[in-house]
Every structure is written in structure tokens, then in C-alpha cells.
Amino acid sequence: MSIPAFATLLERLLFSPGRNAKLALLRQWFETQPDPDRGLGLAAIAGELSFRTAKPGLFRELIATRTDPALFAMSYDYVGDLAETIALLWPDDARANAPPPGLAEVVETLEMAAGAEVPAIIARWLDGLDAGARLALIKLVTGGLRVGASARLAKTALAEWSGQPVNEIEELWHGVPPPYIALFDWLEGRGTRPDPAGAPIFRPLMLAHPLEEADLISLAPGDWTAEWKWDGIRVQLTAVPGGRRLWSRGAEDISASFPEIIQAMDFHAVADGELLVVRDGVVAPFSDLQQRLNRKSPSAKMLADYPVAVRLYDLLFEGGEDLRPLPFDARRARLEAWHARAQPARMDLSALIDFEDFAGLEALRAGARAASMEGLMLKRRDSAYEPGRMRGKWWKWKRGTQNVDAVLMYAQRGHGKRSSFYSDYTFGLWREAEGGEMELVPVGKAYSGFTDQDLLFLDKWVREHTTNRFGPVREVEPGLVLEVEFDAAQRSPRHKSGVAMRFPRIARIRRDKPAVEADRLETLLAMIPGG
């Protein structure tokens, strides 16, 4: 598949707003494109391609040789996206007549080329492409496609196309390198299921449903265990003969950001837990943990100032034994026994809470905010560890505040001191549209609640993930989750969602949470007095 063909796919993905339409495009692509190009394109969409000799700075240097620096600066400020700015400004070269490269050619050439050769190679490719194909090439090489097609969406498309469960694909994903030849062979029936053997792969997490009053009435206390819902980020610790990895809930490898946890994983097991900043046994606010997120090489001072630990929830594998089919009570007993034997550094157990009835448990939940916790978790004693959100197995009973996890949809520049920043944010929740497809619907707008550091992050994120413009407003891809706090919700026929928030503000940025796991509109509607 040539770069222009890949550019066409990216453009169609970008301008197909519906999830089902994107899935159809990806299924068609898997069906019609040959190996290894389809696998390399899949890796690019999933963010799994990386080129050590070609970084964004290289493209800045290249465009500086082809256009006026002042023109570039003004264009970049207006466009907001580096790749798009360079693709549009790069001068056409009538002398260029070489055929456009294929995906495999781009990958193989950049992997084999010496660093000094790369600028000339990329410049030659850019000379022979039109603006759309140039944009695709730059985004492919720099790893910033941003077409509203996440790794999870690509895996879902693979599952629909092949008929294999998405959780099976998810579990094999990190054990098969791009261009995924063995994976496609299995999906098309030409080969056996790939065996990750001792590779440190990610296992899909079990998730919880929000607990509503109507759900609570139907529960029998004796069937459930309770524990605190800690205010950190959910992680999976994988330590096997083939290596050690720390995974986020979205299957992102965050090992490099937390080297002290990797060092402490001197065992053979897979565990589920919460990553927290802990000082002298006391859990610090989530804002402290934010200082460590997305730092690929934390300094010695950062490690000392924000020491992290993991509070363990569950044990998925002990040695080579898969514990996930066991009921929660049995897994908990295995976790406690394993922890007592292994005594891993920087790890302790999330304590179970004794309770006789839910009224007493609710009184404890009321103090969750003061204790810097999100609320409570209820886990059915006989529940196996099943990937995804299995209703009726695990419940999250958040503290008694009005908050939702929403997806950033639009941004606008602020006023006064914030006039140069995108600081006014419109966010939305998921709802089921006609035909069963999920769509985002705006539910509010926030201008406050975030720190100056958050503002810098949000402004940069908006500029790098813009997909459309409407005057001063930028539409962004649905990829960033914001925890929104508000005083009250009420019905409002003037709003598309049918609901309005009173004094919404951003409580925190949920960089750890995939957009598909944000709350649904029904969650917000249930918070309205009287339903």
C-alpha cells in the first residue's frame, strides 16, 4: 500500500465522525490490503511504530530550508499542528517524478538508514507527494496520526473482521510485533493462535459499573466484599521470565516512568492494583501523582519528591497459573498468601472493609473525600476476573459528590491573561444513538478548576489534537477525559443533551483513562433530583 493510499484511509477516518463508519473503514482495509503493509498501517494507527532517526525536530529543520521562518511561525500559530503546517507549506517540486513509497519501504528504509542519511531521504519523499500524502507521511513517521481511531478501536475492528473476541486479540497484542504477520495468519485461519510464552503481555482489566440506589436495594450484603477506591491510577504489574512491565488501564506501557516499581517487581506473577504517591505510609493527593505521569525519564529529585507505591487489589497469575477463573474470595486468599511470601517492596494490600449492612458502609463512604479517596468498591465474592465491564459483578460506589468523567470535545481561547491559551473547554458524555452506535453529546463548559500546569498541558493537547475549526472554536478528537465536578444537575430542554450543570469545573485531568470508558449520559441524568 502506497503512502497516498494510506493518506486516503487517514482522511476518511478523520472525516467519518461515527464509530461504526470508522470500524467499517478499518475492516475493509484489513480485508483488501496485503501484508506487511496492512500490519504496518495498523501499528501506526495503534501508536506502535517508532523511528529513532526521525523525530519532529527533524521536520522543523527541513521546512526551515524550504520556506521563510517568519511565514512558518505565523502559519504554525494559525494551523496549530506541526505536521499539517509543514505539509501545506512544503513547496511542490515539478522535477520530482519518483513513485510514492509504500509503507513497508518507508519503515525498512528508515530502520536501515544512518542518521545522517535520513533528512535527504525524507525530503526526497516529500518532494514527490501532494499535500495530503505529505501529511500522512509526516504523521506516520512522527507517530501522531490523530484521526479519531484509537488502538482499542483498531482491535475492535480486527475482532469484527475476524470473528475472534476482542479480549483474545488484546491479550496477544503485545506478544506479536508489527507488522503482526502471525496475528493475521491466525485471524484468517492460516496459522495457530500465537503463543506469547513468557512475554510480559497486558491482560485486559476487569472494570466496575457505577452503583445507583436502585442497584443497592437488590444486593445482599453477605454476597459482597468492600474496599476503598483509591485516588490514583489503575495499573497492572506483569513480571514473567521474559521481562517486567507496568501497564496503565489503557494497555500503555508506563514502565519507564516508574523505574522504582519495575525494580521492585522481583517475582513471577501478574497483579492488579492502584499506583499512588505514598509518603511515610500516607497516600498523597492525586495532584502529587500527576507530577509523575507522562515523564519518560524522571529525575532523581522527582523520584525522591514523589515516591510511588502500588496498593494491590487482585492476583491474576501466580507463576504460570492463571487465577482469573477463580472466585474473588479465592483470588484474594492467594493474593494475601503470595504477598506474605514474596514481600515485594513498594507494594501493600488494599484492605477489605468489614461491614454488616450497606447503611453502615454508606456512612463510611460519606467520609471518603476527607480521606482523599474516590469512594468504595463492591466486589461479588464469587466473581471470576472477567475482562471488561461485567454488570452485577463489581460496583464502584463513588463518594457523595456530583462528578462525572467526561470527554473533551471543543476548546476556545480565553480572555485577558488567558487570551493566548485555549482555556474554555466544552465536554460531553456518551449516549446511544439510532442504530445502537455510541456518540458524544455536549453536557457542559468549564473555565476553572485546573492549575496553571494543567492549563499548559490542556492548551498543548488541544493544539496537537485539533480535527476541525469553527471560527475561534477548535474541535478535538475524542481522546482526553476530564473529571468534572459540579454543584447540581437539572433538566434543560434548551440543551441538546437535555441536561444542564450548575457551576461545572475541572477537578482533574484523567490522562490514565481511555475516552471510551468515560461516563454515559444516563449517569448524569440519574443525578438529577427525582430522576
Protein backbone atom coordinates (compact mmCIF):
# COMPACT_ATOMS: atom_id res chain seq x y z
CA MET A 1 0.00 0.00 0.00
CA SER A 2 1.46 3.35 -1.04
CA ILE A 3 1.60 6.44 1.14
CA PRO A 4 -1.17 8.14 -0.95
CA ALA A 5 -3.45 5.13 -0.32
CA PHE A 6 -2.67 5.32 3.39
CA ALA A 7 -3.36 9.05 3.27
CA THR A 8 -6.80 8.32 1.82
CA LEU A 9 -7.54 5.93 4.67
CA LEU A 10 -6.46 8.53 7.26
CA GLU A 11 -8.56 11.24 5.63
CA ARG A 12 -11.66 9.03 5.57
CA LEU A 13 -11.13 8.07 9.20
CA LEU A 14 -10.73 11.72 10.15
CA PHE A 15 -13.89 12.87 8.38
CA SER A 16 -16.05 9.90 9.37
CA PRO A 17 -17.37 11.03 12.77
CA GLY A 18 -19.31 7.86 13.58
CA ARG A 19 -17.64 4.96 15.33
CA ASN A 20 -19.37 2.40 13.10
CA ALA A 21 -18.14 4.19 9.98
CA LYS A 22 -14.55 4.09 11.24
CA LEU A 23 -14.90 0.39 12.07
CA ALA A 24 -16.17 -0.30 8.56
CA LEU A 25 -13.19 1.54 7.03
CA LEU A 26 -10.73 -0.46 9.11
CA ARG A 27 -12.45 -3.77 8.36
CA GLN A 28 -12.31 -3.02 4.65
CA TRP A 29 -8.65 -2.16 4.94
CA PHE A 30 -7.76 -5.41 6.72
CA GLU A 31 -9.69 -7.29 4.04
CA THR A 32 -8.16 -5.62 0.99
CA GLN A 33 -4.57 -4.66 1.85
CA PRO A 34 -1.62 -7.05 1.58
CA ASP A 35 0.95 -7.98 4.19
CA PRO A 36 3.08 -6.39 5.56
CA ASP A 37 1.53 -3.00 4.71
CA ARG A 38 -1.79 -3.64 6.46
CA GLY A 39 0.03 -4.61 9.63
CA LEU A 40 2.31 -1.58 9.48
CA GLY A 41 -0.66 0.70 8.97
CA LEU A 42 -2.39 -0.97 11.91
CA ALA A 43 0.70 -0.39 14.03
CA ALA A 44 0.76 3.28 13.03
CA ILE A 45 -2.90 3.77 13.95
CA ALA A 46 -2.32 1.99 17.28
CA GLY A 47 0.75 4.12 18.03
CA GLU A 48 3.13 1.14 17.93
CA LEU A 49 5.60 2.45 15.32
CA SER A 50 8.66 4.40 16.38
CA PHE A 51 11.58 5.72 14.31
CA ARG A 52 14.70 6.58 16.29
CA THR A 53 16.26 8.65 13.48
CA ALA A 54 13.20 10.72 12.50
CA LYS A 55 11.67 12.97 15.15
CA PRO A 56 9.51 16.13 14.90
CA GLY A 57 12.61 18.31 15.26
CA LEU A 58 13.95 16.89 12.00
CA PHE A 59 10.88 18.10 10.11
CA ARG A 60 11.26 21.56 11.66
CA GLU A 61 14.82 21.67 10.33
CA LEU A 62 13.71 20.50 6.87
CA ILE A 63 10.94 23.08 6.48
CA ALA A 64 13.37 25.80 7.59
CA THR A 65 15.38 25.09 4.43
CA ARG A 66 12.32 25.38 2.16
CA THR A 67 10.35 28.36 3.46
CA ASP A 68 10.66 31.67 5.25
CA PRO A 69 10.93 31.26 9.07
CA ALA A 70 8.52 34.12 9.75
CA LEU A 71 5.94 32.65 7.37
CA PHE A 72 6.32 29.27 9.05
CA ALA A 73 5.90 30.78 12.52
CA MET A 74 2.71 32.63 11.55
CA SER A 75 1.32 29.59 9.72
CA TYR A 76 2.07 27.27 12.61
CA ASP A 77 0.37 29.63 15.06
CA TYR A 78 -2.73 29.68 12.85
CA VAL A 79 -2.85 25.97 11.93
CA GLY A 80 -1.73 24.68 15.33
CA ASP A 81 -0.45 21.31 14.07
CA LEU A 82 3.20 20.90 13.08
CA ALA A 83 2.66 18.12 10.55
CA GLU A 84 -0.23 19.89 8.84
CA THR A 85 1.69 23.17 8.67
CA ILE A 86 4.71 21.54 7.06
CA ALA A 87 2.55 19.52 4.62
CA LEU A 88 0.79 22.67 3.43
CA LEU A 89 3.90 24.88 3.25
CA TRP A 90 6.25 22.37 1.61
CA PRO A 91 6.85 23.66 -1.96
CA ASP A 92 5.86 21.43 -4.86
CA ASP A 93 8.82 20.17 -6.90
CA ALA A 94 7.94 19.68 -10.56
CA ARG A 95 11.19 17.77 -11.06
CA ALA A 96 10.20 15.04 -8.64
CA ASN A 97 8.92 12.06 -10.63
CA ALA A 98 9.72 9.06 -8.43
CA PRO A 99 6.75 6.85 -7.50
CA PRO A 100 5.44 7.36 -3.96
CA PRO A 101 6.88 4.96 -1.38
CA GLY A 102 4.91 2.15 0.21
CA LEU A 103 4.53 1.73 3.93
CA ALA A 104 6.95 -1.18 4.04
CA GLU A 105 9.50 0.83 2.06
CA VAL A 106 9.26 3.75 4.50
CA VAL A 107 9.69 1.53 7.55
CA GLU A 108 12.50 -0.59 6.12
CA THR A 109 14.39 2.42 4.72
CA LEU A 110 14.27 4.41 7.95
CA GLU A 111 15.25 1.39 10.04
CA MET A 112 18.31 0.70 7.85
CA ALA A 113 19.44 4.27 7.13
CA ALA A 114 22.16 6.02 9.08
CA GLY A 115 21.08 9.14 10.93
CA ALA A 116 22.93 11.46 8.54
CA GLU A 117 21.09 9.98 5.54
CA VAL A 118 17.56 10.41 6.89
CA PRO A 119 16.97 14.14 6.14
CA ALA A 120 17.72 13.73 2.44
CA ILE A 121 15.57 10.57 2.22
CA ILE A 122 12.56 12.25 3.82
CA ALA A 123 12.99 15.43 1.77
CA ARG A 124 13.01 13.35 -1.43
CA TRP A 125 9.79 11.60 -0.39
CA LEU A 126 8.10 14.90 0.50
CA ASP A 127 9.09 16.36 -2.87
CA GLY A 128 7.27 13.57 -4.69
CA LEU A 129 3.99 13.74 -2.73
CA ASP A 130 0.99 16.04 -2.68
CA ALA A 131 -0.10 17.86 0.49
CA GLY A 132 -2.40 15.08 1.71
CA ALA A 133 0.21 12.35 1.25
CA ARG A 134 2.89 14.57 2.82
CA LEU A 135 0.70 14.93 5.89
CA ALA A 136 0.25 11.16 6.11
CA LEU A 137 3.99 10.55 5.77
CA ILE A 138 4.90 13.08 8.48
CA LYS A 139 2.29 11.75 10.89
CA LEU A 140 3.33 8.17 10.17
CA VAL A 141 6.98 8.91 10.91
CA THR A 142 6.40 11.13 13.96
CA GLY A 143 3.71 8.86 15.43
CA GLY A 144 0.93 11.44 15.62
CA LEU A 145 -1.88 10.26 13.32
CA ARG A 146 -4.78 11.64 15.43
CA VAL A 147 -7.65 10.59 13.20
CA GLY A 148 -10.02 9.53 15.95
CA ALA A 149 -9.09 5.85 15.61
CA SER A 150 -7.53 4.53 18.81
CA ALA A 151 -5.68 1.27 19.38
CA ARG A 152 -8.81 -0.10 21.06
CA LEU A 153 -10.94 0.82 18.03
CA ALA A 154 -8.45 -0.89 15.71
CA LYS A 155 -8.54 -4.05 17.85
CA THR A 156 -12.34 -3.95 17.84
CA ALA A 157 -12.29 -3.72 14.05
CA LEU A 158 -9.93 -6.72 13.92
CA ALA A 159 -12.34 -8.66 16.12
CA GLU A 160 -15.37 -7.81 13.99
CA TRP A 161 -13.50 -8.61 10.79
CA SER A 162 -12.12 -11.93 12.00
CA GLY A 163 -14.85 -13.13 14.36
CA GLN A 164 -12.38 -13.58 17.21
CA PRO A 165 -13.15 -12.00 20.63
CA VAL A 166 -11.54 -8.58 21.12
CA ASN A 167 -10.21 -9.64 24.53
CA GLU A 168 -8.32 -12.50 22.88
CA ILE A 169 -6.72 -10.03 20.47
CA GLU A 170 -5.97 -7.63 23.33
CA GLU A 171 -4.19 -10.37 25.26
CA LEU A 172 -1.99 -11.32 22.30
CA TRP A 173 -1.30 -7.78 21.15
CA HIS A 174 1.95 -7.10 23.00
CA GLY A 175 3.31 -10.57 22.29
CA VAL A 176 3.25 -10.18 18.47
CA PRO A 177 5.40 -7.38 16.99
CA PRO A 178 4.41 -5.28 13.96
CA PRO A 179 3.57 -6.00 11.18
CA TYR A 180 1.58 -8.71 13.04
CA ILE A 181 2.03 -11.42 10.40
CA ALA A 182 1.43 -14.23 12.90
CA LEU A 183 -1.66 -12.45 14.23
CA PHE A 184 -3.18 -12.04 10.76
CA ASP A 185 -2.33 -15.66 9.90
CA TRP A 186 -4.31 -16.78 12.96
CA LEU A 187 -7.20 -14.39 12.32
CA GLU A 188 -7.51 -15.61 8.71
CA GLY A 189 -7.26 -19.29 9.67
CA ARG A 190 -3.86 -19.96 8.12
CA GLY A 191 -1.98 -20.40 11.39
CA THR A 192 -2.35 -21.32 15.03
CA ARG A 193 -3.05 -18.87 17.81
CA PRO A 194 0.21 -17.04 18.62
CA ASP A 195 1.74 -18.10 21.91
CA PRO A 196 3.21 -15.17 23.86
CA ALA A 197 5.04 -17.72 26.03
CA GLY A 198 7.00 -15.82 28.68
CA ALA A 199 6.49 -12.36 27.17
CA PRO A 200 5.29 -9.63 29.60
CA ILE A 201 1.96 -9.01 27.90
CA PHE A 202 -1.04 -6.97 29.06
CA ARG A 203 -4.13 -8.79 30.29
CA PRO A 204 -7.44 -6.90 29.81
CA LEU A 205 -8.69 -5.48 33.09
CA MET A 206 -11.97 -6.17 34.84
CA LEU A 207 -13.93 -2.95 35.34
CA ALA A 208 -16.78 -1.83 37.57
CA HIS A 209 -20.19 -0.25 36.99
CA PRO A 210 -21.31 2.89 38.85
CA LEU A 211 -23.60 1.91 41.72
CA GLU A 212 -27.02 3.57 41.84
CA GLU A 213 -29.56 3.45 44.65
CA ALA A 214 -31.80 1.09 42.70
CA ASP A 215 -28.90 -1.36 42.34
CA LEU A 216 -28.04 -1.18 46.03
CA ILE A 217 -31.55 -2.21 47.10
CA SER A 218 -31.25 -5.54 45.30
CA LEU A 219 -27.90 -6.55 46.82
CA ALA A 220 -27.45 -8.96 49.75
CA PRO A 221 -24.56 -7.78 51.97
CA GLY A 222 -23.24 -11.30 52.54
CA ASP A 223 -22.54 -11.74 48.82
CA TRP A 224 -20.12 -8.82 48.66
CA THR A 225 -16.74 -7.61 49.82
CA ALA A 226 -15.89 -3.91 50.15
CA GLU A 227 -12.66 -1.95 49.88
CA TRP A 228 -11.65 1.65 49.34
CA LYS A 229 -11.48 3.08 45.83
CA TRP A 230 -8.09 4.73 45.99
CA ASP A 231 -7.49 8.01 44.18
CA GLY A 232 -4.56 7.08 41.93
CA ILE A 233 -4.31 5.31 38.59
CA ARG A 234 -5.17 1.68 37.94
CA VAL A 235 -2.16 -0.39 36.90
CA GLN A 236 -1.26 -3.96 36.04
CA LEU A 237 2.11 -5.35 37.14
CA THR A 238 3.45 -8.10 34.87
CA ALA A 239 6.64 -9.87 35.91
CA VAL A 240 7.46 -13.03 33.93
CA PRO A 241 10.64 -14.77 32.71
CA GLY A 242 10.52 -12.65 29.54
CA GLY A 243 10.59 -9.31 31.34
CA ARG A 244 8.77 -6.83 33.57
CA ARG A 245 6.17 -4.28 32.58
CA LEU A 246 3.92 -1.78 34.30
CA TRP A 247 0.75 -1.18 32.30
CA SER A 248 -1.89 1.53 32.58
CA ARG A 249 -5.57 0.61 32.38
CA GLY A 250 -5.45 1.55 28.68
CA ALA A 251 -2.65 -1.00 27.97
CA GLU A 252 0.01 1.70 27.75
CA ASP A 253 3.48 0.62 28.85
CA ILE A 254 4.42 3.11 31.59
CA SER A 255 7.43 1.18 32.90
CA ALA A 256 9.95 3.89 32.04
CA SER A 257 8.03 6.47 34.08
CA PHE A 258 8.18 4.39 37.27
CA PRO A 259 11.54 2.60 37.38
CA GLU A 260 11.36 2.06 41.15
CA ILE A 261 8.24 -0.11 40.70
CA ILE A 262 9.89 -2.14 37.94
CA GLN A 263 12.91 -2.69 40.20
CA ALA A 264 10.63 -3.93 42.99
CA MET A 265 8.90 -6.49 40.74
CA ASP A 266 11.31 -9.29 41.65
CA PHE A 267 8.71 -12.04 41.31
CA HIS A 268 6.84 -14.18 38.78
CA ALA A 269 3.22 -13.02 38.85
CA VAL A 270 0.64 -10.67 37.33
CA ALA A 271 -1.13 -8.35 39.76
CA ASP A 272 -3.79 -5.63 39.62
CA GLY A 273 -3.55 -2.51 41.77
CA GLU A 274 -3.55 1.25 42.20
CA LEU A 275 -0.46 3.41 41.69
CA LEU A 276 -0.19 6.11 44.37
CA VAL A 277 2.26 8.61 45.77
CA VAL A 278 2.88 7.47 49.35
CA ARG A 279 4.97 9.29 51.97
CA ASP A 280 5.57 7.67 55.36
CA GLY A 281 2.62 5.37 54.79
CA VAL A 282 0.23 8.22 53.96
CA VAL A 283 -1.37 8.43 50.50
CA ALA A 284 -0.77 11.83 48.90
CA PRO A 285 -3.40 13.70 46.83
CA PHE A 286 -3.79 12.76 43.18
CA SER A 287 -2.20 16.10 42.21
CA ASP A 288 1.12 14.76 43.52
CA LEU A 289 0.87 11.68 41.32
CA GLN A 290 0.19 13.94 38.33
CA GLN A 291 3.73 15.25 38.69
CA ARG A 292 5.00 11.80 37.74
CA LEU A 293 2.62 10.99 34.89
CA ASN A 294 3.95 11.06 31.32
CA ARG A 295 7.56 11.62 32.41
CA LYS A 296 9.58 9.10 30.44
CA SER A 297 12.82 9.66 32.39
CA PRO A 298 12.06 11.01 35.86
CA SER A 299 14.96 12.73 37.60
CA ALA A 300 16.42 11.61 40.91
CA LYS A 301 14.76 14.62 42.55
CA MET A 302 11.39 13.68 41.08
CA LEU A 303 11.77 10.13 42.39
CA ALA A 304 12.59 11.45 45.85
CA ASP A 305 9.93 14.16 45.98
CA TYR A 306 7.09 11.97 44.66
CA PRO A 307 7.75 8.40 45.83
CA VAL A 308 5.27 5.93 44.37
CA ALA A 309 3.89 2.62 45.59
CA VAL A 310 1.22 0.16 44.48
CA ARG A 311 -1.77 -0.84 46.58
CA LEU A 312 -2.66 -4.32 45.34
CA TYR A 313 -6.26 -5.34 44.57
CA ASP A 314 -6.02 -8.72 42.88
CA LEU A 315 -3.73 -11.52 41.70
CA LEU A 316 -4.29 -12.67 38.10
CA PHE A 317 -1.38 -15.08 37.67
CA GLU A 318 0.92 -16.73 40.19
CA GLY A 319 3.86 -18.25 38.40
CA GLY A 320 2.37 -19.79 35.28
CA GLU A 321 -1.04 -20.48 36.89
CA ASP A 322 -3.99 -18.45 35.61
CA LEU A 323 -6.08 -17.45 38.64
CA ARG A 324 -8.69 -15.41 36.77
CA PRO A 325 -11.33 -18.19 36.62
CA LEU A 326 -11.29 -18.48 40.43
CA PRO A 327 -13.88 -16.60 42.52
CA PHE A 328 -12.77 -13.33 44.08
CA ASP A 329 -12.58 -14.79 47.61
CA ALA A 330 -10.15 -17.46 46.41
CA ARG A 331 -8.03 -14.97 44.45
CA ARG A 332 -7.93 -12.68 47.48
CA ALA A 333 -6.66 -15.53 49.68
CA ARG A 334 -3.99 -16.32 47.08
CA LEU A 335 -3.02 -12.63 46.92
CA GLU A 336 -2.60 -12.42 50.69
CA ALA A 337 -0.55 -15.61 50.87
CA TRP A 338 1.62 -14.60 47.89
CA HIS A 339 2.24 -11.11 49.31
CA ALA A 340 3.25 -12.58 52.68
CA ARG A 341 5.78 -14.87 50.98
CA ALA A 342 7.14 -12.52 48.31
CA GLN A 343 7.07 -9.33 50.42
CA PRO A 344 7.58 -7.12 47.36
CA ALA A 345 8.97 -3.66 48.06
CA ARG A 346 6.73 -0.63 47.46
CA MET A 347 3.60 -2.77 47.49
CA ASP A 348 0.93 -3.42 50.10
CA LEU A 349 -2.61 -4.81 50.11
CA SER A 350 -5.80 -2.81 49.72
CA ALA A 351 -7.55 -3.70 52.96
CA LEU A 352 -11.02 -5.24 52.92
CA ILE A 353 -13.65 -3.39 54.96
CA ASP A 354 -15.77 -5.27 57.46
CA PHE A 355 -19.46 -4.35 57.29
CA GLU A 356 -22.79 -5.82 58.32
CA ASP A 357 -25.13 -3.77 56.18
CA PHE A 358 -24.96 -1.16 53.44
CA ALA A 359 -26.23 1.59 55.73
CA GLY A 360 -23.06 1.34 57.79
CA LEU A 361 -20.97 1.17 54.64
CA GLU A 362 -22.64 4.30 53.28
CA ALA A 363 -21.64 6.18 56.43
CA LEU A 364 -18.02 5.25 55.71
CA ARG A 365 -18.36 6.35 52.10
CA ALA A 366 -19.51 9.79 53.25
CA GLY A 367 -16.03 10.40 54.65
CA ALA A 368 -14.19 9.34 51.51
CA ARG A 369 -13.43 12.87 50.33
CA ALA A 370 -11.82 13.86 53.64
CA ALA A 371 -9.71 10.70 53.42
CA SER A 372 -8.56 11.56 49.84
CA MET A 373 -10.34 8.55 48.35
CA GLU A 374 -12.80 8.30 45.47
CA GLY A 375 -15.29 6.13 47.32
CA LEU A 376 -15.81 2.39 47.71
CA MET A 377 -15.60 -0.73 45.59
CA LEU A 378 -18.04 -3.63 45.98
CA LYS A 379 -16.93 -6.97 44.56
CA ARG A 380 -19.10 -10.05 44.40
CA ARG A 381 -17.41 -12.83 46.36
CA ASP A 382 -17.99 -15.47 43.67
CA SER A 383 -16.96 -13.29 40.71
CA ALA A 384 -14.30 -14.54 38.32
CA TYR A 385 -11.89 -11.97 36.87
CA GLU A 386 -13.52 -11.23 33.51
CA PRO A 387 -12.26 -8.61 31.04
CA GLY A 388 -14.39 -5.51 30.56
CA ARG A 389 -17.31 -4.10 32.49
CA MET A 390 -19.44 -7.05 33.64
CA ARG A 391 -22.63 -5.67 35.15
CA GLY A 392 -23.54 -7.09 38.53
CA LYS A 393 -20.03 -8.35 39.38
CA TRP A 394 -18.12 -5.26 40.52
CA TRP A 395 -19.59 -1.90 41.55
CA LYS A 396 -17.87 1.44 42.12
CA TRP A 397 -19.65 3.48 44.77
CA LYS A 398 -18.13 6.92 44.45
CA ARG A 399 -18.08 9.49 47.21
CA GLY A 400 -21.15 11.67 47.61
CA THR A 401 -20.18 14.46 45.24
CA GLN A 402 -21.56 15.44 41.90
CA ASN A 403 -18.91 14.49 39.38
CA VAL A 404 -18.62 12.69 36.07
CA ASP A 405 -15.80 11.61 33.79
CA ALA A 406 -16.41 13.50 30.54
CA VAL A 407 -14.62 13.72 27.18
CA LEU A 408 -13.15 16.99 25.92
CA MET A 409 -14.92 17.95 22.67
CA TYR A 410 -14.24 21.65 21.94
CA ALA A 411 -11.93 24.41 23.16
CA GLN A 412 -11.84 28.18 22.77
CA ARG A 413 -9.28 30.81 23.67
CA GLY A 414 -9.79 32.59 26.96
CA HIS A 415 -9.82 36.28 27.78
CA GLY A 416 -7.39 38.68 29.42
CA LYS A 417 -4.32 36.85 30.66
CA ARG A 418 -5.63 33.66 29.06
CA SER A 419 -6.20 35.15 25.62
CA SER A 420 -3.26 33.20 24.16
CA PHE A 421 -4.41 29.88 25.66
CA TYR A 422 -7.25 27.51 24.85
CA SER A 423 -8.80 27.63 28.31
CA ASP A 424 -12.58 27.33 27.78
CA TYR A 425 -13.50 23.67 27.45
CA THR A 426 -16.69 22.01 26.24
CA PHE A 427 -17.05 18.39 27.30
CA GLY A 428 -19.52 15.60 26.60
CA LEU A 429 -20.80 12.19 27.67
CA TRP A 430 -21.63 9.09 25.67
CA ARG A 431 -25.15 8.14 24.67
CA GLU A 432 -26.61 5.54 22.37
CA ALA A 433 -27.71 6.97 19.03
CA GLU A 434 -30.05 5.46 16.49
CA GLY A 435 -28.76 2.13 15.29
CA GLY A 436 -27.02 1.42 18.57
CA GLU A 437 -23.90 3.48 17.81
CA MET A 438 -22.39 5.44 20.69
CA GLU A 439 -21.99 9.19 20.24
CA LEU A 440 -20.73 12.08 22.34
CA VAL A 441 -23.21 14.78 23.30
CA PRO A 442 -22.09 18.07 24.92
CA VAL A 443 -23.20 18.46 28.54
CA GLY A 444 -21.30 21.49 29.79
CA LYS A 445 -18.49 24.01 29.58
CA ALA A 446 -15.80 24.73 32.17
CA TYR A 447 -13.37 27.61 32.61
CA SER A 448 -11.90 26.81 36.03
CA GLY A 449 -10.69 24.19 38.46
CA PHE A 450 -7.37 23.49 36.75
CA THR A 451 -3.89 24.62 37.76
CA ASP A 452 -1.51 26.68 35.62
CA GLN A 453 0.36 23.48 34.85
CA ASP A 454 -2.90 21.82 33.79
CA LEU A 455 -3.63 24.81 31.55
CA LEU A 456 -0.31 24.44 29.74
CA PHE A 457 -0.97 20.73 29.21
CA LEU A 458 -4.55 21.29 28.01
CA ASP A 459 -3.56 24.10 25.63
CA LYS A 460 -0.83 21.95 24.08
CA TRP A 461 -3.15 18.94 23.86
CA VAL A 462 -5.84 20.99 22.10
CA ARG A 463 -3.37 22.36 19.54
CA GLU A 464 -1.97 18.93 18.78
CA HIS A 465 -5.32 17.12 18.56
CA THR A 466 -7.48 19.61 16.63
CA THR A 467 -9.64 17.99 13.95
CA ASN A 468 -11.80 20.95 12.89
CA ARG A 469 -12.29 24.69 13.38
CA PHE A 470 -15.40 26.83 13.72
CA GLY A 471 -14.22 30.42 13.95
CA PRO A 472 -12.45 30.74 17.33
CA VAL A 473 -13.53 27.25 18.42
CA ARG A 474 -11.47 24.14 17.87
CA GLU A 475 -12.96 20.68 17.73
CA VAL A 476 -10.62 17.99 19.07
CA GLU A 477 -10.50 14.25 18.70
CA PRO A 478 -12.30 12.41 21.50
CA GLY A 479 -9.20 11.29 23.36
CA LEU A 480 -8.93 13.18 26.67
CA VAL A 481 -11.04 12.52 29.76
CA LEU A 482 -11.75 15.26 32.32
CA GLU A 483 -13.22 14.64 35.75
CA VAL A 484 -15.84 17.37 36.03
CA GLU A 485 -17.23 18.45 39.38
CA PHE A 486 -20.45 20.45 39.67
CA ASP A 487 -22.95 21.64 42.26
CA ALA A 488 -26.13 20.21 40.75
CA ALA A 489 -27.74 18.94 37.53
CA GLN A 490 -31.17 19.76 36.19
CA ARG A 491 -33.32 19.08 33.15
CA SER A 492 -32.92 21.63 30.35
CA PRO A 493 -34.79 21.44 27.03
CA ARG A 494 -32.50 24.19 25.68
CA HIS A 495 -29.52 21.86 25.68
CA LYS A 496 -29.00 19.07 23.15
CA SER A 497 -28.29 16.61 25.95
CA GLY A 498 -31.44 17.61 27.84
CA VAL A 499 -29.46 18.42 30.99
CA ALA A 500 -27.58 21.42 32.39
CA MET A 501 -24.88 21.56 35.09
CA ARG A 502 -24.62 24.22 37.79
CA PHE A 503 -21.09 25.65 38.18
CA PRO A 504 -19.09 22.89 36.46
CA ARG A 505 -15.32 22.92 37.00
CA ILE A 506 -12.49 20.58 36.08
CA ALA A 507 -11.46 18.54 39.11
CA ARG A 508 -8.60 16.78 37.36
CA ILE A 509 -7.33 15.52 34.03
CA ARG A 510 -7.78 11.76 33.64
CA ARG A 511 -4.82 11.04 31.35
CA ASP A 512 -4.91 7.44 32.54
CA LYS A 513 -8.47 6.77 31.40
CA PRO A 514 -9.42 5.90 27.78
CA ALA A 515 -12.19 8.06 26.32
CA VAL A 516 -14.39 5.03 25.67
CA GLU A 517 -14.55 4.50 29.45
CA ALA A 518 -15.94 7.97 30.19
CA ASP A 519 -19.41 8.16 31.71
CA ARG A 520 -22.66 7.88 29.81
CA LEU A 521 -25.39 10.49 29.74
CA GLU A 522 -27.61 8.23 31.85
CA THR A 523 -25.13 8.57 34.72
CA LEU A 524 -25.59 12.36 34.75
CA LEU A 525 -29.36 12.14 34.32
CA ALA A 526 -29.55 9.83 37.35
CA MET A 527 -28.03 12.62 39.47
CA ILE A 528 -30.99 14.92 38.85
CA PRO A 529 -33.28 15.03 41.90
CA GLY A 530 -36.33 12.94 41.13
CA GLY A 531 -34.56 11.13 38.28
